[in-house]
């Protein structure tokens, strides 16, 4: 016995629900939201993605750091000629405060340390901007990103070590008994961050190698 096909077969793309389930009036907003197909709320790479928004934020932060570093450089040059007669500073810590005469060497040391600190983070942001530029272009495994990540890790290590040495010098020579030097335990988080950056550099290097091999295969 041969079965006849249904009188009104469903076409491709039609709903499988019966007609009595299909409302004849406009569905409310909450119902449309529940029955609408799920879509990705955002994109991670490419133009108009989260990477492009972060790229703009990094550009703004880079400009601000550039201005701060330039201002500190001007102050560092001006500190050579500024008279410092009868000028004192107060160094405070957990055990109290102490007044010290502001000498030219102390002023140059403080301004130089601050300039190096902000300048180091400006170099980190410069490399990050270039990395996020490739993410915005949809090319995360660009070969230059490996070198940029290594530069970020090296700069972060130098800045962390410089801050640790500077604070130890101030605590030992300029304000003994007032400021406590940083312990080795406080370096665990920065060292962990530096290691993560170098591991990411190796991950990007492997991704760039695989992409190069796939291009040669094609």
C-alpha atoms as a PDB file:
ATOM      1  CA  UNK A   1       0.000   0.000   0.000  1.00  0.00           C
ATOM      2  CA  UNK A   2       1.487   3.348  -1.054  1.00  0.00           C
ATOM      3  CA  UNK A   3       1.184   6.282   1.316  1.00  0.00           C
ATOM      4  CA  UNK A   4       0.284   9.604  -0.229  1.00  0.00           C
ATOM      5  CA  UNK A   5       2.289  12.704   0.730  1.00  0.00           C
ATOM      6  CA  UNK A   6       0.567  15.295   2.924  1.00  0.00           C
ATOM      7  CA  UNK A   7      -1.591  17.883   1.224  1.00  0.00           C
ATOM      8  CA  UNK A   8       0.453  20.826   2.460  1.00  0.00           C
ATOM      9  CA  UNK A   9       3.997  19.672   3.157  1.00  0.00           C
ATOM     10  CA  UNK A  10       6.242  21.933   5.136  1.00  0.00           C
ATOM     11  CA  UNK A  11       8.730  23.925   3.167  1.00  0.00           C
ATOM     12  CA  UNK A  12      12.290  24.410   4.204  1.00  0.00           C
ATOM     13  CA  UNK A  13      12.590  27.104   6.871  1.00  0.00           C
ATOM     14  CA  UNK A  14       8.947  26.876   8.018  1.00  0.00           C
ATOM     15  CA  UNK A  15       8.137  26.400  11.679  1.00  0.00           C
ATOM     16  CA  UNK A  16       7.194  22.904  12.858  1.00  0.00           C
ATOM     17  CA  UNK A  17       4.699  24.153  15.425  1.00  0.00           C
ATOM     18  CA  UNK A  18       0.957  23.848  14.746  1.00  0.00           C
ATOM     19  CA  UNK A  19      -1.031  26.852  13.616  1.00  0.00           C
ATOM     20  CA  UNK A  20      -2.858  27.228  16.901  1.00  0.00           C
ATOM     21  CA  UNK A  21       0.506  27.955  18.585  1.00  0.00           C
ATOM     22  CA  UNK A  22       1.329  30.757  16.152  1.00  0.00           C
ATOM     23  CA  UNK A  23      -0.201  34.030  17.380  1.00  0.00           C
ATOM     24  CA  UNK A  24      -1.960  36.256  14.880  1.00  0.00           C
ATOM     25  CA  UNK A  25      -1.147  39.432  16.820  1.00  0.00           C
ATOM     26  CA  UNK A  26       2.273  41.046  17.384  1.00  0.00           C
ATOM     27  CA  UNK A  27       4.132  39.068  20.012  1.00  0.00           C
ATOM     28  CA  UNK A  28       5.245  40.974  23.117  1.00  0.00           C
ATOM     29  CA  UNK A  29       8.845  42.029  23.437  1.00  0.00           C
ATOM     30  CA  UNK A  30       9.703  39.468  26.109  1.00  0.00           C
ATOM     31  CA  UNK A  31       8.344  36.649  23.951  1.00  0.00           C
ATOM     32  CA  UNK A  32      10.331  37.805  20.926  1.00  0.00           C
ATOM     33  CA  UNK A  33      13.454  37.993  23.074  1.00  0.00           C
ATOM     34  CA  UNK A  34      12.928  34.426  24.315  1.00  0.00           C
ATOM     35  CA  UNK A  35      12.205  32.949  20.886  1.00  0.00           C
ATOM     36  CA  UNK A  36      14.838  34.915  18.984  1.00  0.00           C
ATOM     37  CA  UNK A  37      17.980  32.979  18.017  1.00  0.00           C
ATOM     38  CA  UNK A  38      20.893  33.432  20.345  1.00  0.00           C
ATOM     39  CA  UNK A  39      23.556  35.742  19.004  1.00  0.00           C
ATOM     40  CA  UNK A  40      26.977  36.654  20.341  1.00  0.00           C
ATOM     41  CA  UNK A  41      26.665  39.892  22.355  1.00  0.00           C
ATOM     42  CA  UNK A  42      30.021  41.152  21.173  1.00  0.00           C
ATOM     43  CA  UNK A  43      33.019  40.285  19.065  1.00  0.00           C
ATOM     44  CA  UNK A  44      36.506  39.948  20.458  1.00  0.00           C
ATOM     45  CA  UNK A  45      38.441  40.688  17.262  1.00  0.00           C
ATOM     46  CA  UNK A  46      38.023  42.891  14.230  1.00  0.00           C
ATOM     47  CA  UNK A  47      36.665  46.399  13.638  1.00  0.00           C
ATOM     48  CA  UNK A  48      33.887  47.424  16.026  1.00  0.00           C
ATOM     49  CA  UNK A  49      34.855  44.728  18.523  1.00  0.00           C
ATOM     50  CA  UNK A  50      35.918  44.855  22.152  1.00  0.00           C
ATOM     51  CA  UNK A  51      39.527  45.026  20.983  1.00  0.00           C
ATOM     52  CA  UNK A  52      38.855  48.265  19.117  1.00  0.00           C
ATOM     53  CA  UNK A  53      37.258  49.807  22.229  1.00  0.00           C
ATOM     54  CA  UNK A  54      40.232  48.778  24.357  1.00  0.00           C
ATOM     55  CA  UNK A  55      42.543  50.168  21.678  1.00  0.00           C
ATOM     56  CA  UNK A  56      40.909  53.594  22.069  1.00  0.00           C
ATOM     57  CA  UNK A  57      41.255  53.400  25.862  1.00  0.00           C
ATOM     58  CA  UNK A  58      44.928  52.499  25.504  1.00  0.00           C
ATOM     59  CA  UNK A  59      45.442  55.435  23.137  1.00  0.00           C
ATOM     60  CA  UNK A  60      43.988  57.849  25.695  1.00  0.00           C
ATOM     61  CA  UNK A  61      46.067  56.373  28.529  1.00  0.00           C
ATOM     62  CA  UNK A  62      49.198  56.500  26.369  1.00  0.00           C
ATOM     63  CA  UNK A  63      48.684  60.192  25.606  1.00  0.00           C
ATOM     64  CA  UNK A  64      48.154  60.969  29.303  1.00  0.00           C
ATOM     65  CA  UNK A  65      51.296  59.078  30.296  1.00  0.00           C
ATOM     66  CA  UNK A  66      53.231  60.823  27.532  1.00  0.00           C
ATOM     67  CA  UNK A  67      52.155  64.212  28.893  1.00  0.00           C
ATOM     68  CA  UNK A  68      52.999  63.238  32.484  1.00  0.00           C
ATOM     69  CA  UNK A  69      56.415  61.902  31.474  1.00  0.00           C
ATOM     70  CA  UNK A  70      57.159  65.025  29.448  1.00  0.00           C
ATOM     71  CA  UNK A  71      56.184  67.252  32.369  1.00  0.00           C
ATOM     72  CA  UNK A  72      58.419  65.273  34.719  1.00  0.00           C
ATOM     73  CA  UNK A  73      61.311  65.620  32.289  1.00  0.00           C
ATOM     74  CA  UNK A  74      60.845  69.387  32.241  1.00  0.00           C
ATOM     75  CA  UNK A  75      60.765  69.450  36.039  1.00  0.00           C
ATOM     76  CA  UNK A  76      63.898  67.303  36.137  1.00  0.00           C
ATOM     77  CA  UNK A  77      65.745  69.804  33.960  1.00  0.00           C
ATOM     78  CA  UNK A  78      64.377  72.749  35.944  1.00  0.00           C
ATOM     79  CA  UNK A  79      65.447  71.129  39.226  1.00  0.00           C
ATOM     80  CA  UNK A  80      69.067  71.725  38.265  1.00  0.00           C
ATOM     81  CA  UNK A  81      68.556  75.500  38.412  1.00  0.00           C
ATOM     82  CA  UNK A  82      65.853  75.926  41.097  1.00  0.00           C
ATOM     83  CA  UNK A  83      67.209  77.385  44.379  1.00  0.00           C
ATOM     84  CA  UNK A  84      66.483  75.141  47.354  1.00  0.00           C
ATOM     85  CA  UNK A  85      67.358  77.280  50.353  1.00  0.00           C
ATOM     86  CA  UNK A  86      65.532  76.394  53.584  1.00  0.00           C
ATOM     87  CA  UNK A  87      63.164  73.913  51.922  1.00  0.00           C
ATOM     88  CA  UNK A  88      62.137  70.841  53.912  1.00  0.00           C
ATOM     89  CA  UNK A  89      60.064  67.789  53.061  1.00  0.00           C
ATOM     90  CA  UNK A  90      58.181  65.434  55.358  1.00  0.00           C
ATOM     91  CA  UNK A  91      58.702  61.709  54.913  1.00  0.00           C
ATOM     92  CA  UNK A  92      55.921  59.762  56.603  1.00  0.00           C
ATOM     93  CA  UNK A  93      55.541  56.092  57.333  1.00  0.00           C
ATOM     94  CA  UNK A  94      53.779  53.712  59.667  1.00  0.00           C
ATOM     95  CA  UNK A  95      55.932  54.753  62.617  1.00  0.00           C
ATOM     96  CA  UNK A  96      55.407  58.481  62.105  1.00  0.00           C
ATOM     97  CA  UNK A  97      56.969  61.264  60.080  1.00  0.00           C
ATOM     98  CA  UNK A  98      60.293  62.978  59.749  1.00  0.00           C
ATOM     99  CA  UNK A  99      61.346  66.288  58.229  1.00  0.00           C
ATOM    100  CA  UNK A 100      64.339  66.255  55.922  1.00  0.00           C
ATOM    101  CA  UNK A 101      66.096  69.126  54.151  1.00  0.00           C
ATOM    102  CA  UNK A 102      65.343  69.035  50.451  1.00  0.00           C
ATOM    103  CA  UNK A 103      68.729  68.846  48.797  1.00  0.00           C
ATOM    104  CA  UNK A 104      69.313  69.028  45.079  1.00  0.00           C
ATOM    105  CA  UNK A 105      70.440  65.413  44.915  1.00  0.00           C
ATOM    106  CA  UNK A 106      67.307  64.280  46.721  1.00  0.00           C
ATOM    107  CA  UNK A 107      65.100  66.291  44.367  1.00  0.00           C
ATOM    108  CA  UNK A 108      66.867  64.945  41.289  1.00  0.00           C
ATOM    109  CA  UNK A 109      66.610  61.408  42.639  1.00  0.00           C
ATOM    110  CA  UNK A 110      62.873  61.713  43.266  1.00  0.00           C
ATOM    111  CA  UNK A 111      62.087  63.308  39.911  1.00  0.00           C
ATOM    112  CA  UNK A 112      64.339  60.873  38.069  1.00  0.00           C
ATOM    113  CA  UNK A 113      62.686  57.879  39.726  1.00  0.00           C
ATOM    114  CA  UNK A 114      59.203  59.197  38.927  1.00  0.00           C
ATOM    115  CA  UNK A 115      60.195  59.912  35.316  1.00  0.00           C
ATOM    116  CA  UNK A 116      61.610  56.412  34.889  1.00  0.00           C
ATOM    117  CA  UNK A 117      58.495  54.889  36.468  1.00  0.00           C
ATOM    118  CA  UNK A 118      55.999  56.648  34.206  1.00  0.00           C
ATOM    119  CA  UNK A 119      58.289  56.291  31.203  1.00  0.00           C
ATOM    120  CA  UNK A 120      58.437  52.528  31.723  1.00  0.00           C
ATOM    121  CA  UNK A 121      54.672  52.222  31.781  1.00  0.00           C
ATOM    122  CA  UNK A 122      54.493  54.444  28.706  1.00  0.00           C
ATOM    123  CA  UNK A 123      56.692  51.918  26.871  1.00  0.00           C
ATOM    124  CA  UNK A 124      54.406  49.110  28.052  1.00  0.00           C
ATOM    125  CA  UNK A 125      51.332  50.941  26.760  1.00  0.00           C
ATOM    126  CA  UNK A 126      53.047  51.605  23.434  1.00  0.00           C
ATOM    127  CA  UNK A 127      53.594  47.877  22.905  1.00  0.00           C
ATOM    128  CA  UNK A 128      50.044  47.111  24.056  1.00  0.00           C
ATOM    129  CA  UNK A 129      48.634  49.626  21.570  1.00  0.00           C
ATOM    130  CA  UNK A 130      50.458  47.910  18.726  1.00  0.00           C
ATOM    131  CA  UNK A 131      49.252  44.493  19.871  1.00  0.00           C
ATOM    132  CA  UNK A 132      45.634  45.656  20.055  1.00  0.00           C
ATOM    133  CA  UNK A 133      46.010  47.250  16.631  1.00  0.00           C
ATOM    134  CA  UNK A 134      46.639  43.782  15.210  1.00  0.00           C
ATOM    135  CA  UNK A 135      43.682  42.428  17.202  1.00  0.00           C
ATOM    136  CA  UNK A 136      41.473  45.120  15.698  1.00  0.00           C
ATOM    137  CA  UNK A 137      42.694  44.062  12.253  1.00  0.00           C
ATOM    138  CA  UNK A 138      41.747  40.462  13.083  1.00  0.00           C
ATOM    139  CA  UNK A 139      45.368  39.244  13.071  1.00  0.00           C
ATOM    140  CA  UNK A 140      46.196  38.254  16.676  1.00  0.00           C
ATOM    141  CA  UNK A 141      49.129  35.976  15.809  1.00  0.00           C
ATOM    142  CA  UNK A 142      51.158  38.616  14.035  1.00  0.00           C
ATOM    143  CA  UNK A 143      54.875  37.739  14.268  1.00  0.00           C
ATOM    144  CA  UNK A 144      55.731  41.128  15.791  1.00  0.00           C
ATOM    145  CA  UNK A 145      53.408  40.498  18.747  1.00  0.00           C
ATOM    146  CA  UNK A 146      55.883  37.975  20.160  1.00  0.00           C
ATOM    147  CA  UNK A 147      58.611  40.614  20.331  1.00  0.00           C
ATOM    148  CA  UNK A 148      56.177  43.157  21.770  1.00  0.00           C
ATOM    149  CA  UNK A 149      55.068  40.823  24.549  1.00  0.00           C
ATOM    150  CA  UNK A 150      58.680  40.107  25.444  1.00  0.00           C
ATOM    151  CA  UNK A 151      59.370  43.826  25.580  1.00  0.00           C
ATOM    152  CA  UNK A 152      56.388  44.269  27.909  1.00  0.00           C
ATOM    153  CA  UNK A 153      57.648  41.518  30.209  1.00  0.00           C
ATOM    154  CA  UNK A 154      61.184  42.905  30.278  1.00  0.00           C
ATOM    155  CA  UNK A 155      60.014  46.480  30.912  1.00  0.00           C
ATOM    156  CA  UNK A 156      57.670  45.337  33.670  1.00  0.00           C
ATOM    157  CA  UNK A 157      60.524  43.425  35.312  1.00  0.00           C
ATOM    158  CA  UNK A 158      62.826  46.471  35.146  1.00  0.00           C
ATOM    159  CA  UNK A 159      60.160  48.810  36.557  1.00  0.00           C
ATOM    160  CA  UNK A 160      59.343  46.392  39.374  1.00  0.00           C
ATOM    161  CA  UNK A 161      63.001  45.942  40.277  1.00  0.00           C
ATOM    162  CA  UNK A 162      63.612  49.687  40.105  1.00  0.00           C
ATOM    163  CA  UNK A 163      60.735  50.461  42.453  1.00  0.00           C
ATOM    164  CA  UNK A 164      61.950  47.813  44.901  1.00  0.00           C
ATOM    165  CA  UNK A 165      65.513  49.185  44.890  1.00  0.00           C
ATOM    166  CA  UNK A 166      64.381  52.821  45.131  1.00  0.00           C
ATOM    167  CA  UNK A 167      62.123  52.156  48.093  1.00  0.00           C
ATOM    168  CA  UNK A 168      64.879  50.194  49.800  1.00  0.00           C
ATOM    169  CA  UNK A 169      67.335  53.052  49.238  1.00  0.00           C
ATOM    170  CA  UNK A 170      64.910  55.621  50.643  1.00  0.00           C
ATOM    171  CA  UNK A 171      64.148  53.455  53.663  1.00  0.00           C
ATOM    172  CA  UNK A 172      67.825  52.766  54.401  1.00  0.00           C
ATOM    173  CA  UNK A 173      69.496  56.087  53.598  1.00  0.00           C
ATOM    174  CA  UNK A 174      66.965  58.920  53.506  1.00  0.00           C
ATOM    175  CA  UNK A 175      64.393  57.933  56.117  1.00  0.00           C
ATOM    176  CA  UNK A 176      65.780  55.165  58.328  1.00  0.00           C
ATOM    177  CA  UNK A 177      63.308  54.062  60.937  1.00  0.00           C
ATOM    178  CA  UNK A 178      60.432  55.909  59.243  1.00  0.00           C
ATOM    179  CA  UNK A 179      59.831  53.908  56.059  1.00  0.00           C
ATOM    180  CA  UNK A 180      60.091  50.147  55.857  1.00  0.00           C
ATOM    181  CA  UNK A 181      61.732  48.591  52.796  1.00  0.00           C
ATOM    182  CA  UNK A 182      59.729  46.225  50.638  1.00  0.00           C
ATOM    183  CA  UNK A 183      60.080  42.583  51.522  1.00  0.00           C
ATOM    184  CA  UNK A 184      60.686  39.803  49.055  1.00  0.00           C
ATOM    185  CA  UNK A 185      57.130  38.592  49.600  1.00  0.00           C
ATOM    186  CA  UNK A 186      55.775  41.763  48.003  1.00  0.00           C
ATOM    187  CA  UNK A 187      57.596  40.872  44.776  1.00  0.00           C
ATOM    188  CA  UNK A 188      55.669  37.637  44.266  1.00  0.00           C
ATOM    189  CA  UNK A 189      52.748  39.244  42.431  1.00  0.00           C
ATOM    190  CA  UNK A 190      54.915  41.329  40.036  1.00  0.00           C
ATOM    191  CA  UNK A 191      57.166  38.336  39.326  1.00  0.00           C
ATOM    192  CA  UNK A 192      54.101  36.191  38.638  1.00  0.00           C
ATOM    193  CA  UNK A 193      52.793  38.863  36.240  1.00  0.00           C
ATOM    194  CA  UNK A 194      56.121  38.990  34.386  1.00  0.00           C
ATOM    195  CA  UNK A 195      56.156  35.206  34.005  1.00  0.00           C
ATOM    196  CA  UNK A 196      52.599  35.240  32.641  1.00  0.00           C
ATOM    197  CA  UNK A 197      53.588  37.807  30.009  1.00  0.00           C
ATOM    198  CA  UNK A 198      56.550  35.698  28.873  1.00  0.00           C
ATOM    199  CA  UNK A 199      54.341  32.586  28.716  1.00  0.00           C
ATOM    200  CA  UNK A 200      51.849  34.517  26.569  1.00  0.00           C
ATOM    201  CA  UNK A 201      54.727  35.507  24.306  1.00  0.00           C
ATOM    202  CA  UNK A 202      55.550  31.825  23.764  1.00  0.00           C
ATOM    203  CA  UNK A 203      51.884  31.064  23.085  1.00  0.00           C
ATOM    204  CA  UNK A 204      51.773  33.803  20.455  1.00  0.00           C
ATOM    205  CA  UNK A 205      55.042  32.541  18.970  1.00  0.00           C
ATOM    206  CA  UNK A 206      53.551  29.067  18.581  1.00  0.00           C
ATOM    207  CA  UNK A 207      50.394  30.544  17.047  1.00  0.00           C
ATOM    208  CA  UNK A 208      52.464  32.574  14.581  1.00  0.00           C
ATOM    209  CA  UNK A 209      54.428  29.432  13.645  1.00  0.00           C
ATOM    210  CA  UNK A 210      51.263  27.430  13.024  1.00  0.00           C
ATOM    211  CA  UNK A 211      49.829  30.225  10.910  1.00  0.00           C
ATOM    212  CA  UNK A 212      53.019  30.411   8.861  1.00  0.00           C
ATOM    213  CA  UNK A 213      52.964  26.659   8.299  1.00  0.00           C
ATOM    214  CA  UNK A 214      49.324  26.767   7.225  1.00  0.00           C
ATOM    215  CA  UNK A 215      50.092  29.554   4.755  1.00  0.00           C
ATOM    216  CA  UNK A 216      52.959  27.536   3.282  1.00  0.00           C
ATOM    217  CA  UNK A 217      50.722  24.470   3.027  1.00  0.00           C
ATOM    218  CA  UNK A 218      48.048  26.398   1.138  1.00  0.00           C
END
